[in-house]
N, C-alpha and C. Protein backbone atom coordinates (compact mmCIF):
# COMPACT_ATOMS: atom_id res chain seq x y z
N MET A 1 -16.80 1.09 65.67
CA MET A 1 -16.47 0.34 64.43
C MET A 1 -15.20 -0.15 65.03
N ALA A 2 -14.20 0.47 65.87
CA ALA A 2 -13.29 -0.32 66.49
C ALA A 2 -13.53 -1.77 67.00
N GLU A 3 -14.21 -1.73 67.25
CA GLU A 3 -14.57 -3.19 68.02
C GLU A 3 -15.00 -4.23 67.06
N HIS A 4 -15.43 -3.86 65.41
CA HIS A 4 -15.26 -4.89 64.47
C HIS A 4 -14.18 -4.98 63.76
N ALA A 5 -13.30 -4.09 64.06
CA ALA A 5 -12.11 -4.21 63.16
C ALA A 5 -11.21 -6.03 63.31
N ASN A 6 -11.33 -6.38 64.39
CA ASN A 6 -10.37 -7.54 64.67
C ASN A 6 -11.31 -8.36 63.72
N THR A 7 -12.89 -8.93 63.65
CA THR A 7 -13.87 -9.61 62.99
C THR A 7 -13.40 -9.17 61.36
N PHE A 8 -12.84 -7.73 61.00
CA PHE A 8 -13.22 -7.89 59.61
C PHE A 8 -11.37 -8.08 59.26
N LEU A 9 -10.80 -8.06 59.86
CA LEU A 9 -9.18 -8.46 59.57
C LEU A 9 -9.31 -9.99 59.33
N LEU A 10 -10.27 -10.72 60.49
CA LEU A 10 -10.07 -12.19 60.52
C LEU A 10 -10.35 -12.62 59.02
N LEU A 11 -11.78 -11.96 58.83
CA LEU A 11 -12.45 -12.24 57.71
C LEU A 11 -11.80 -12.44 56.35
N THR A 12 -11.20 -11.22 56.84
CA THR A 12 -10.19 -10.66 54.81
C THR A 12 -9.07 -11.84 55.08
N ILE A 13 -8.64 -12.01 56.05
CA ILE A 13 -7.47 -13.29 56.15
C ILE A 13 -7.87 -14.55 55.92
N LEU A 14 -9.13 -15.01 56.35
CA LEU A 14 -10.04 -16.43 56.08
C LEU A 14 -9.83 -16.10 54.55
N GLY A 15 -10.71 -14.93 54.01
CA GLY A 15 -10.77 -15.28 52.65
C GLY A 15 -9.90 -15.56 51.94
N LEU A 16 -8.84 -14.44 52.13
CA LEU A 16 -7.32 -14.47 50.87
C LEU A 16 -6.73 -16.37 51.40
N VAL A 17 -6.82 -16.98 52.56
CA VAL A 17 -6.28 -18.44 52.73
C VAL A 17 -6.93 -19.07 51.89
N THR A 18 -8.30 -19.22 52.01
CA THR A 18 -9.30 -19.63 51.32
C THR A 18 -8.72 -19.56 49.35
N ILE A 19 -8.64 -18.46 49.12
CA ILE A 19 -8.24 -18.12 47.66
C ILE A 19 -6.96 -18.62 47.44
N LEU A 20 -6.46 -19.02 48.33
CA LEU A 20 -4.93 -19.24 47.81
C LEU A 20 -4.90 -20.98 48.20
N LEU A 21 -5.77 -21.25 49.03
CA LEU A 21 -6.07 -23.02 49.11
C LEU A 21 -6.60 -23.40 47.66
N ILE A 22 -7.48 -22.61 47.09
CA ILE A 22 -8.17 -23.04 46.13
C ILE A 22 -7.12 -23.06 45.04
N PHE A 23 -5.98 -21.77 44.74
CA PHE A 23 -5.59 -21.93 43.71
C PHE A 23 -4.31 -22.93 44.05
N GLY A 24 -3.62 -22.79 44.75
CA GLY A 24 -2.56 -24.14 45.16
C GLY A 24 -3.35 -25.57 45.08
N MET A 25 -4.70 -25.93 45.20
CA MET A 25 -5.07 -27.23 45.06
C MET A 25 -5.07 -27.51 43.34
N LYS A 26 -5.49 -26.02 43.04
CA LYS A 26 -5.52 -26.18 41.48
C LYS A 26 -4.10 -26.58 40.65
N TYR A 27 -3.28 -25.93 40.88
CA TYR A 27 -1.41 -25.86 40.81
C TYR A 27 -1.49 -27.34 41.35
N PHE A 28 -1.46 -27.66 42.23
CA PHE A 28 -1.40 -29.21 43.05
C PHE A 28 -1.98 -30.44 41.66
N SER A 29 -3.17 -30.29 41.62
CA SER A 29 -3.92 -31.18 40.66
C SER A 29 -2.96 -31.26 39.07
N VAL A 30 -2.68 -30.04 38.88
CA VAL A 30 -2.51 -29.72 37.08
C VAL A 30 -0.82 -30.52 37.26
N GLY A 31 -0.32 -30.42 38.20
CA GLY A 31 1.39 -31.22 38.20
C GLY A 31 0.92 -32.33 38.26
N ARG A 32 0.17 -33.01 39.18
CA ARG A 32 -0.43 -34.31 39.36
C ARG A 32 -0.60 -35.00 38.31
N GLN A 33 -1.52 -34.28 37.19
CA GLN A 33 -2.07 -34.95 36.07
C GLN A 33 -0.77 -34.95 35.28
N ALA A 34 0.03 -33.76 35.39
CA ALA A 34 1.40 -33.80 34.37
C ALA A 34 2.09 -35.57 34.92
N ARG A 35 2.24 -35.31 35.99
CA ARG A 35 3.23 -36.46 35.96
C ARG A 35 3.10 -37.94 35.89
N MET A 36 1.12 -37.88 36.10
CA MET A 36 0.41 -39.07 35.57
C MET A 36 0.35 -39.43 33.95
N ARG A 37 0.50 -38.14 33.41
CA ARG A 37 0.53 -38.18 31.95
C ARG A 37 1.78 -38.81 31.68
N LEU A 38 2.67 -38.45 32.23
CA LEU A 38 4.49 -38.96 31.68
C LEU A 38 4.36 -40.17 32.02
N ALA A 39 3.81 -40.70 33.34
CA ALA A 39 3.95 -42.00 33.62
C ALA A 39 3.43 -42.73 32.68
N ASN A 40 2.29 -42.71 32.46
CA ASN A 40 1.34 -43.21 30.98
C ASN A 40 2.14 -43.16 29.79
N GLU A 41 2.48 -42.21 29.45
CA GLU A 41 3.59 -42.15 28.31
C GLU A 41 4.62 -43.15 28.46
N GLY A 42 5.21 -43.25 29.53
CA GLY A 42 6.32 -44.05 29.79
C GLY A 42 6.01 -45.31 29.61
N ALA A 43 4.76 -46.10 30.01
CA ALA A 43 4.34 -47.01 30.39
C ALA A 43 4.18 -47.64 28.65
N TYR A 44 3.59 -46.51 27.93
CA TYR A 44 2.93 -46.73 26.61
C TYR A 44 4.08 -47.11 25.65
N ARG A 45 5.04 -46.15 26.06
CA ARG A 45 6.53 -46.31 24.99
C ARG A 45 6.85 -47.57 25.17
N GLU A 46 7.05 -47.91 26.63
CA GLU A 46 7.80 -49.45 26.80
C GLU A 46 6.87 -50.38 26.41
N LEU A 47 5.64 -50.51 26.55
CA LEU A 47 4.74 -51.34 25.66
C LEU A 47 5.11 -51.47 24.09
N ALA A 48 5.20 -50.35 23.70
CA ALA A 48 5.15 -50.12 22.39
C ALA A 48 6.45 -51.12 21.65
N GLU A 49 7.63 -50.94 22.64
CA GLU A 49 8.89 -51.00 22.35
C GLU A 49 8.86 -52.89 22.45
N ARG A 50 7.88 -53.59 23.71
CA ARG A 50 8.17 -54.84 23.65
C ARG A 50 7.05 -55.29 22.66
N GLY A 51 6.05 -54.32 21.82
CA GLY A 51 5.53 -55.14 20.70
C GLY A 51 6.32 -55.33 19.42
N ALA A 52 7.46 -54.07 19.20
CA ALA A 52 8.09 -53.85 18.26
C ALA A 52 9.05 -55.22 18.56
N ALA A 53 9.28 -55.76 19.61
CA ALA A 53 10.49 -56.98 20.01
C ALA A 53 10.01 -58.00 19.47
N ALA A 54 8.89 -57.93 19.94
CA ALA A 54 7.80 -59.91 19.75
C ALA A 54 7.49 -59.73 18.25
N GLN A 55 7.11 -58.75 17.62
CA GLN A 55 7.23 -58.36 16.16
C GLN A 55 8.38 -59.07 15.26
N ALA A 56 9.40 -58.21 15.62
CA ALA A 56 10.71 -58.54 15.33
C ALA A 56 11.11 -60.29 15.46
N ALA A 57 10.57 -60.82 16.41
CA ALA A 57 11.07 -62.05 16.83
C ALA A 57 9.73 -62.86 15.97
N GLY A 58 8.82 -62.67 15.89
CA GLY A 58 7.42 -63.38 15.12
C GLY A 58 8.18 -63.33 13.70
N ALA A 59 8.81 -62.45 13.42
CA ALA A 59 9.26 -62.36 11.44
C ALA A 59 10.46 -63.34 11.58
N THR A 60 11.19 -63.23 12.68
CA THR A 60 12.25 -64.16 12.39
C THR A 60 11.69 -65.39 12.44
N SER A 61 10.93 -65.98 13.17
CA SER A 61 10.42 -67.37 13.29
C SER A 61 9.62 -67.76 12.07
N ILE A 62 9.16 -66.67 11.54
CA ILE A 62 8.20 -66.72 10.33
C ILE A 62 9.24 -67.35 9.08
N ALA A 63 10.43 -66.54 9.21
CA ALA A 63 11.19 -67.04 8.46
C ALA A 63 11.90 -67.82 8.41
N ALA A 64 12.39 -68.63 9.66
CA ALA A 64 12.75 -69.72 9.82
C ALA A 64 11.78 -70.87 9.75
N ILE A 65 10.35 -70.70 9.49
CA ILE A 65 9.37 -71.93 9.39
C ILE A 65 9.53 -71.98 7.93
N GLN A 66 9.40 -70.78 6.88
CA GLN A 66 9.44 -70.49 5.80
C GLN A 66 10.72 -71.27 5.31
N ALA A 67 12.01 -71.39 5.55
CA ALA A 67 13.06 -71.79 5.15
C ALA A 67 12.69 -73.64 5.05
N ASP A 68 12.26 -74.11 6.32
CA ASP A 68 12.07 -75.21 7.08
C ASP A 68 11.31 -75.94 5.58
N LEU A 69 9.86 -75.20 5.58
CA LEU A 69 9.04 -75.69 4.76
C LEU A 69 9.73 -75.94 3.06
N VAL A 70 10.42 -74.91 2.52
CA VAL A 70 11.19 -74.95 1.47
C VAL A 70 12.14 -76.31 1.37
N GLU A 71 12.63 -76.59 2.50
CA GLU A 71 13.69 -77.91 2.58
C GLU A 71 12.56 -79.01 2.55
N VAL A 72 11.47 -79.20 3.22
CA VAL A 72 10.48 -80.18 3.17
C VAL A 72 9.84 -80.20 1.60
N LYS A 73 9.81 -79.39 1.02
CA LYS A 73 9.11 -79.27 -0.15
C LYS A 73 10.13 -79.73 -1.03
N THR A 74 11.33 -79.42 -0.90
CA THR A 74 12.57 -79.96 -1.78
C THR A 74 12.46 -81.29 -1.45
N LYS A 75 12.70 -82.09 -0.43
CA LYS A 75 12.78 -83.25 0.06
C LYS A 75 11.61 -84.17 -0.47
N LEU A 76 10.50 -83.43 -0.35
CA LEU A 76 9.12 -83.98 -0.98
C LEU A 76 9.20 -84.33 -2.75
N VAL A 77 9.83 -83.33 -3.00
CA VAL A 77 9.76 -83.24 -4.69
C VAL A 77 11.09 -84.64 -5.02
N ALA A 78 12.03 -84.75 -4.25
CA ALA A 78 12.80 -85.71 -4.08
C ALA A 78 12.57 -87.03 -4.15
N ILE A 79 11.37 -87.26 -3.01
CA ILE A 79 10.83 -88.46 -2.87
C ILE A 79 9.87 -88.77 -3.56
N GLU A 80 9.16 -87.93 -4.34
CA GLU A 80 8.17 -88.32 -5.77
C GLU A 80 9.04 -88.67 -6.46
N LYS A 81 10.15 -88.45 -7.33
CA LYS A 81 10.86 -88.42 -8.21
C LYS A 81 11.14 -89.95 -8.18
N VAL A 82 11.97 -90.34 -6.69
CA VAL A 82 12.49 -91.77 -6.59
C VAL A 82 10.95 -92.40 -6.73
N LEU A 83 10.03 -92.29 -6.25
CA LEU A 83 9.00 -93.15 -6.42
C LEU A 83 8.38 -93.53 -7.69
N ARG A 84 8.21 -92.37 -8.48
CA ARG A 84 8.03 -92.13 -10.04
C ARG A 84 9.11 -93.52 -10.76
N GLU A 85 10.51 -93.45 -10.28
CA GLU A 85 11.22 -94.23 -10.68
C GLU A 85 11.00 -95.19 -10.50
N VAL A 86 10.62 -95.86 -9.36
CA VAL A 86 10.50 -97.26 -8.95
C VAL A 86 9.30 -97.79 -9.59
N GLU A 87 8.21 -97.12 -9.62
CA GLU A 87 7.21 -97.83 -10.69
C GLU A 87 7.36 -98.05 -12.27
């Protein structure tokens, strides 16, 4: 029995090390997934901010185009009035 004590001790240590490695890899994986999730959320937040800024810029451009269109319509009405007077 004494001759197998070293083998039993070695197998016990190897079993415990294997269990510790499995749990270590599990927690490492969970931590890495959490870091990746945070990075993806940061990228999504940045994309959403850029989208909101682009939308605001588009709204400003549309307002400017509408103001120009009103000006063009006003001038067109004035030109039509002059042309009616000429006839």
